[in-house]
Structure formats: C-alpha cells, structure tokens
Protein backbone atom coordinates (compact mmCIF):
# COMPACT_ATOMS: atom_id res chain seq x y z
CA MET A 1 0.29 0.04 -0.13
CA GLU A 2 0.69 3.20 -0.73
CA GLY A 3 2.27 5.32 2.80
CA PRO A 4 -0.32 8.12 3.85
CA GLU A 5 2.04 10.94 3.32
CA ARG A 6 2.39 10.62 -0.40
CA ILE A 7 0.48 13.38 -2.10
CA PHE A 8 -0.21 13.63 -6.13
CA VAL A 9 -0.66 17.22 -7.55
CA PHE A 10 -1.98 17.39 -11.03
CA GLY A 11 -2.25 20.59 -13.36
CA ASP A 12 -3.76 20.33 -16.54
CA GLY A 13 -3.72 16.62 -16.53
CA GLN A 14 -0.26 16.40 -16.14
CA LEU A 15 1.94 14.99 -12.45
CA LEU A 16 4.35 17.21 -10.54
CA VAL A 17 7.33 15.04 -9.87
CA ARG A 18 10.67 15.77 -8.28
CA ALA A 19 13.11 17.53 -11.62
CA GLY A 20 15.22 14.30 -12.73
CA GLY A 21 12.94 11.16 -11.27
CA LEU A 22 9.70 10.06 -10.91
CA GLU A 23 8.95 10.35 -7.50
CA PRO A 24 5.73 12.92 -6.53
CA ALA A 25 7.12 16.31 -5.71
CA GLY A 26 5.20 16.02 -2.10
CA ALA A 27 4.04 18.22 0.27
CA GLU A 28 6.55 21.62 0.04
CA ALA A 29 6.01 21.59 -3.51
CA LEU A 30 2.10 21.57 -3.09
CA ALA A 31 2.54 24.40 -0.51
CA ALA A 32 4.72 26.64 -3.16
CA LEU A 33 2.28 25.90 -5.81
CA GLN A 34 -1.18 27.06 -3.91
CA LYS A 35 0.77 30.28 -3.57
CA THR A 36 -0.37 31.26 -7.04
CA ARG A 37 -2.62 28.90 -8.43
CA ALA A 38 -6.30 27.94 -6.80
CA THR A 39 -6.86 24.13 -5.80
CA LEU A 40 -9.28 22.49 -7.73
CA ASP A 41 -10.03 19.40 -5.57
CA ASP A 42 -8.27 17.44 -2.70
CA PHE A 43 -9.37 14.09 -1.51
CA ALA A 44 -8.26 11.04 -0.09
CA VAL A 45 -7.85 8.09 -2.55
CA ARG A 46 -9.06 4.97 -1.42
CA PRO A 47 -7.79 2.25 -0.66
CA GLN A 48 -4.46 3.02 -1.68
CA GLY A 49 -4.76 6.05 1.34
CA VAL A 50 -2.71 8.54 -0.76
CA ARG A 51 -4.23 12.09 -1.11
CA ALA A 52 -4.75 13.96 -4.54
CA VAL A 53 -5.00 17.53 -5.26
CA GLY A 54 -5.69 19.66 -8.47
CA VAL A 55 -4.62 22.98 -8.72
CA ALA A 56 -5.82 25.30 -11.69
CA GLY A 57 -4.01 26.64 -14.78
CA ALA A 58 -1.82 24.92 -17.45
CA ALA A 59 1.34 22.38 -16.79
CA ASP A 60 3.84 24.77 -16.68
CA ASP A 61 6.18 26.83 -14.50
CA PRO A 62 6.63 24.04 -11.85
CA PRO A 63 8.19 25.02 -8.34
CA ALA A 64 11.79 24.96 -7.97
CA GLY A 65 13.10 21.09 -7.87
CA CYS A 66 10.16 20.07 -9.83
CA GLU A 67 8.56 19.05 -13.43
CA TRP A 68 5.38 18.06 -14.77
CA VAL A 69 5.04 14.97 -16.78
CA ARG A 70 2.37 12.94 -18.55
CA LEU A 71 1.53 9.75 -16.43
CA ARG A 72 2.28 7.78 -19.94
CA THR A 73 6.29 8.71 -18.66
CA LEU A 74 5.09 6.78 -15.40
CA LEU A 75 4.37 3.86 -17.57
CA GLY A 76 6.51 3.33 -19.86
CA ALA A 77 9.06 3.40 -16.94
CA ASP A 78 7.04 0.94 -14.59
CA ALA A 79 7.27 3.18 -11.65
CA PRO A 80 5.91 1.83 -9.10
CA HIS A 81 3.11 4.32 -8.24
CA ALA A 82 2.09 4.77 -11.90
CA ALA A 83 -0.99 2.43 -10.93
CA ALA A 84 -2.27 4.71 -8.08
CA ALA A 85 -1.64 7.78 -9.74
CA CYS A 86 -3.52 6.54 -12.72
CA ARG A 87 -6.23 6.20 -10.02
CA ALA A 88 -5.99 9.64 -8.69
CA LEU A 89 -6.21 11.44 -11.92
CA GLY A 90 -8.84 8.87 -12.90
CA LEU A 91 -11.20 9.72 -9.93
CA LEU A 92 -9.95 13.49 -10.29
CA ASN A 93 -11.23 13.66 -13.81
CA TRP A 94 -14.78 11.99 -12.22
CA ARG A 95 -15.08 14.64 -9.40
CA ALA A 96 -15.21 17.46 -11.72
CA ALA A 97 -17.23 16.13 -14.15
CA HIS A 98 -20.06 14.98 -11.40
CA ARG A 99 -20.34 17.78 -9.30
CA PHE A 100 -24.30 18.22 -9.11
CA CYS A 101 -26.82 14.95 -9.08
CA GLY A 102 -27.74 13.69 -12.59
CA ALA A 103 -31.47 12.92 -11.24
CA CYS A 104 -32.42 16.20 -9.43
CA GLY A 105 -29.66 18.34 -10.05
CA GLY A 106 -28.90 18.39 -6.08
CA ALA A 107 -24.93 18.91 -4.60
CA LEU A 108 -22.86 15.50 -4.25
CA ALA A 109 -21.09 14.70 -1.38
CA ASP A 110 -18.48 12.37 -0.56
CA HIS A 111 -20.12 8.78 0.39
CA ALA A 112 -18.94 8.16 4.09
CA VAL A 113 -17.49 4.57 3.04
CA GLU A 114 -17.62 3.35 -0.65
CA THR A 115 -15.55 5.38 -3.51
CA ALA A 116 -18.72 7.29 -4.68
CA ARG A 117 -20.81 10.44 -4.27
CA THR A 118 -24.27 10.63 -3.21
CA CYS A 119 -26.76 13.41 -3.37
CA GLY A 120 -27.66 14.89 -0.52
CA ALA A 121 -31.51 16.24 -1.78
CA CYS A 122 -32.80 13.06 -3.37
CA GLY A 123 -30.02 10.27 -1.89
CA CYS A 124 -28.98 9.10 -5.16
CA THR A 125 -25.54 7.28 -5.01
CA GLU A 126 -23.33 8.04 -8.35
CA TYR A 127 -20.03 5.94 -8.73
CA PRO A 128 -17.03 6.25 -11.12
CA SER A 129 -17.75 4.85 -14.52
CA LEU A 130 -15.61 3.74 -17.52
CA ALA A 131 -15.20 4.38 -21.12
CA PRO A 132 -14.14 1.12 -22.81
CA ALA A 133 -12.56 1.37 -26.29
CA VAL A 134 -11.07 -1.00 -28.16
CA ILE A 135 -7.58 -0.66 -30.02
CA VAL A 136 -5.98 -3.20 -32.29
CA ARG A 137 -2.65 -4.07 -34.01
CA VAL A 138 -4.43 -6.00 -37.58
CA GLU A 139 -1.75 -8.30 -39.26
CA LYS A 140 -1.52 -9.49 -42.71
CA GLU A 141 1.48 -11.76 -44.35
CA GLY A 142 3.40 -10.54 -41.59
CA LYS A 143 2.74 -6.83 -41.34
CA ILE A 144 1.43 -4.34 -39.27
CA LEU A 145 -1.69 -2.20 -40.36
CA LEU A 146 -0.96 1.41 -39.12
CA ALA A 147 -2.74 5.09 -39.66
CA ARG A 148 -2.54 8.49 -38.94
CA HIS A 149 -5.58 9.79 -37.58
CA VAL A 150 -6.90 13.07 -38.12
CA GLN A 151 -7.77 14.37 -34.83
CA ARG A 152 -4.95 12.73 -32.65
CA ILE A 153 -1.84 13.20 -33.16
CA PRO A 154 -1.69 13.33 -37.14
CA ASP A 155 2.31 12.75 -36.93
CA LEU A 156 1.87 9.67 -35.56
CA TRP A 157 1.27 6.13 -37.15
CA THR A 158 -0.64 3.74 -34.68
CA CYS A 159 -3.26 0.82 -34.43
CA LEU A 160 -7.11 1.29 -35.03
CA ALA A 161 -9.17 1.97 -32.19
CA GLY A 162 -12.42 3.23 -30.86
CA TYR A 163 -15.24 3.21 -28.23
CA VAL A 164 -17.23 0.01 -27.12
CA GLU A 165 -21.31 0.94 -28.22
CA LEU A 166 -24.12 -0.63 -26.29
CA GLY A 167 -25.04 -3.79 -27.21
CA GLU A 168 -21.76 -4.92 -28.99
CA SER A 169 -18.82 -7.12 -27.38
CA LEU A 170 -15.47 -6.09 -26.92
CA GLU A 171 -14.68 -8.25 -30.28
CA ASP A 172 -17.58 -7.28 -32.33
CA CYS A 173 -16.38 -3.75 -31.94
CA VAL A 174 -12.99 -4.85 -32.93
CA ARG A 175 -14.64 -5.67 -36.23
CA ARG A 176 -16.82 -2.73 -36.57
CA GLU A 177 -14.42 0.21 -35.84
CA VAL A 178 -11.67 -1.96 -38.19
CA LYS A 179 -14.53 -2.03 -41.34
CA GLU A 180 -15.80 0.86 -40.95
CA GLU A 181 -12.32 2.89 -40.56
CA THR A 182 -10.53 0.96 -43.42
CA GLY A 183 -13.03 -1.09 -45.45
CA ILE A 184 -11.69 -4.21 -44.54
CA GLU A 185 -12.89 -7.52 -42.55
CA VAL A 186 -11.43 -9.42 -39.75
CA GLY A 187 -11.23 -12.74 -38.13
CA ASP A 188 -9.42 -14.31 -34.97
CA VAL A 189 -10.07 -11.26 -32.99
CA ARG A 190 -7.70 -12.45 -30.26
CA TYR A 191 -7.45 -10.15 -26.63
CA VAL A 192 -3.59 -9.10 -25.31
CA ALA A 193 -3.68 -6.58 -22.82
CA SER A 194 -5.86 -3.57 -21.11
CA GLN A 195 -4.21 -0.30 -20.14
CA HIS A 196 -6.51 2.06 -17.82
CA TRP A 197 -5.94 5.31 -19.37
CA PRO A 198 -7.40 8.36 -17.21
CA TYR A 199 -7.95 10.68 -20.29
CA PRO A 200 -10.32 11.28 -18.90
CA ASN A 201 -11.68 7.76 -17.94
CA GLN A 202 -10.87 5.17 -21.18
CA MET A 203 -9.96 1.57 -20.53
CA MET A 204 -7.88 0.42 -23.46
CA VAL A 205 -8.78 -3.07 -24.04
CA GLY A 206 -6.30 -4.74 -26.46
CA PHE A 207 -6.61 -7.30 -29.18
CA ALA A 208 -4.63 -8.73 -32.01
CA ALA A 209 -6.48 -9.48 -35.33
CA GLN A 210 -5.61 -10.95 -38.74
CA TRP A 211 -6.90 -9.15 -41.86
CA GLN A 212 -9.65 -11.53 -43.62
CA ALA A 213 -10.78 -9.80 -46.78
CA GLY A 214 -11.16 -6.90 -48.62
CA GLU A 215 -8.55 -3.37 -49.55
CA LEU A 216 -7.96 -0.01 -47.21
CA THR A 217 -10.94 2.16 -47.77
CA LEU A 218 -10.07 5.07 -45.92
CA GLN A 219 -12.84 6.92 -43.40
CA PRO A 220 -11.59 10.54 -44.06
CA GLU A 221 -12.91 11.83 -41.32
CA GLU A 222 -10.85 9.55 -39.20
CA LEU A 223 -7.88 8.73 -41.12
CA SER A 224 -5.74 10.61 -43.21
CA GLU A 225 -3.67 7.88 -44.44
CA ALA A 226 -2.97 3.65 -43.57
CA ARG A 227 -0.09 1.52 -44.86
CA TRP A 228 0.76 -2.35 -44.13
CA PHE A 229 4.51 -1.64 -42.24
CA ASP A 230 6.98 -4.39 -41.95
CA PRO A 231 7.79 -4.43 -38.25
CA ALA A 232 11.61 -4.45 -38.75
CA ALA A 233 10.98 -0.96 -40.60
CA LEU A 234 8.44 1.22 -38.61
CA PRO A 235 7.38 4.73 -38.96
CA LYS A 236 7.07 7.10 -35.86
CA ILE A 237 4.75 5.14 -33.57
CA PRO A 238 3.64 6.61 -29.65
CA PRO A 239 6.00 6.46 -26.99
CA ARG A 240 6.62 3.62 -24.24
CA GLY A 241 4.00 3.47 -22.05
CA SER A 242 0.85 3.46 -24.30
CA MET A 243 -0.93 0.78 -24.91
CA ALA A 244 -0.46 1.28 -28.53
CA TRP A 245 3.40 0.55 -28.26
CA ARG A 246 2.65 -2.35 -26.38
CA LEU A 247 1.12 -3.85 -29.19
CA ILE A 248 2.80 -2.61 -32.28
CA CYS A 249 6.24 -3.38 -30.57
CA GLY A 250 4.99 -6.84 -28.64
CA GLY A 251 6.39 -5.22 -25.28
C-alpha cells in the first residue's frame, strides 16, 4: 500500500514530480504552488490512502526542483506508483464532472464509506464509471496496419481504435471499427492486454486480429492515411507506456 504521506499533485492532467526522476513532488512543492494557484480539489484516494490534489492552470512554471510529466512517462518506466497515480487522476476527472446529481440536480458529496458521491437532496448515489475502448493490431502476411488519425496527433502512426457501443461485445467492436475506418474485414480477434487511461476515464482493451478480406478504403473524417508496415521498418509510433506501443512492439 502507498504511504499515507504521498501526495499526487495534478495540473492540466499532468503530475508534478521531482526534477530528474518520477517521484511525486510532495507537500512542500504543493505549498509553493498554492501560493499562486487555486486548488480545484483535494481528497483521499481509497484504498491506496494517497492524497490527490488538482490545481488550476496549465502544466507549466513548476516549483523549483520539480517538473510536470504525463502519466505515460510513469507507465513507460514501470514506476511503482504509476497505477495509484492513474487512479488518482481518473478520480479527479470523475469528481470534476460529477459535482451535481444527474437525477435532480442537487449537490453531490463524498460517500462516507465507498468510492462514490451521494446527493443530499434525493439520496441518489453515483459511482465512478469507465469508457471502454478497443485498440487493435491488425496483421496481414507478417505486416502491421498502422494509420495516421485526423484528430489525434496526426504525425504519429498508430493502431486503429474506437469506443465500444451499447449492445456489442469487445470483439464485435474490433470488427466494426476496423471495417468502418479501413473497409477491411478481420477474423481471429485475440485479446492481448488492457490499460486504464485516465484521459478522462478510458479503459483501453488491446487486441490482435488477422486480415481476412478487403482492400484499404479509408474513412476520411477519421484517417488521413493507412499502410501496411514491416515490423522491422516502423514509422514514428506512440511512445513507450501507451497501449499502442505495446501492441506494435510486442512489449
């Protein structure tokens, strides 16, 4: 379990760490930040027992001896507190979006025992939710299908991905997303791994699938380009720590 003194300080989705390392910056750095920035939220993360604090403003001008990092950096380095930091940011995002009751509009307050928020007016209790999304490595004759997306970091080549819709299985979502975005059909959809991604509340579920039929016909509002690549000659791909990197590189 994390020590009760550990504090995760977030600004604009990034974590404040000690410069030159990935250790959370701690109470002294938080006190320095709070001299010039408003505190947006401050709560205990159960069951880890750590404290999560969100501060206003962009992730710049860190206190002396500190720097801001995205959680992908912690995941890529296998930092021991990466999972707790992801949970802390996920809860911070959830709390920011759930200040009022969805049933009656009353103010929500922390549940006394559970990780939840309860409405004082109607008694409705809301729990943190996840948005499941699939991401898939599509293979054909030893090559990997990678694409550049119109709206997401267009200079990177990455796997196809999309959100799971009501009424479909994860495997059905893989087949639908690949068909919609590239026009091809896949078979032999195989689960690889999953990863919580708190931007804001995704659960990335990774798969590998084999090309079955069809030629590339791109959905222009989603993809600007897609190609088959030899694993030994890859273009610029997402960095270590992302599910895409794990699927592409087999890590």
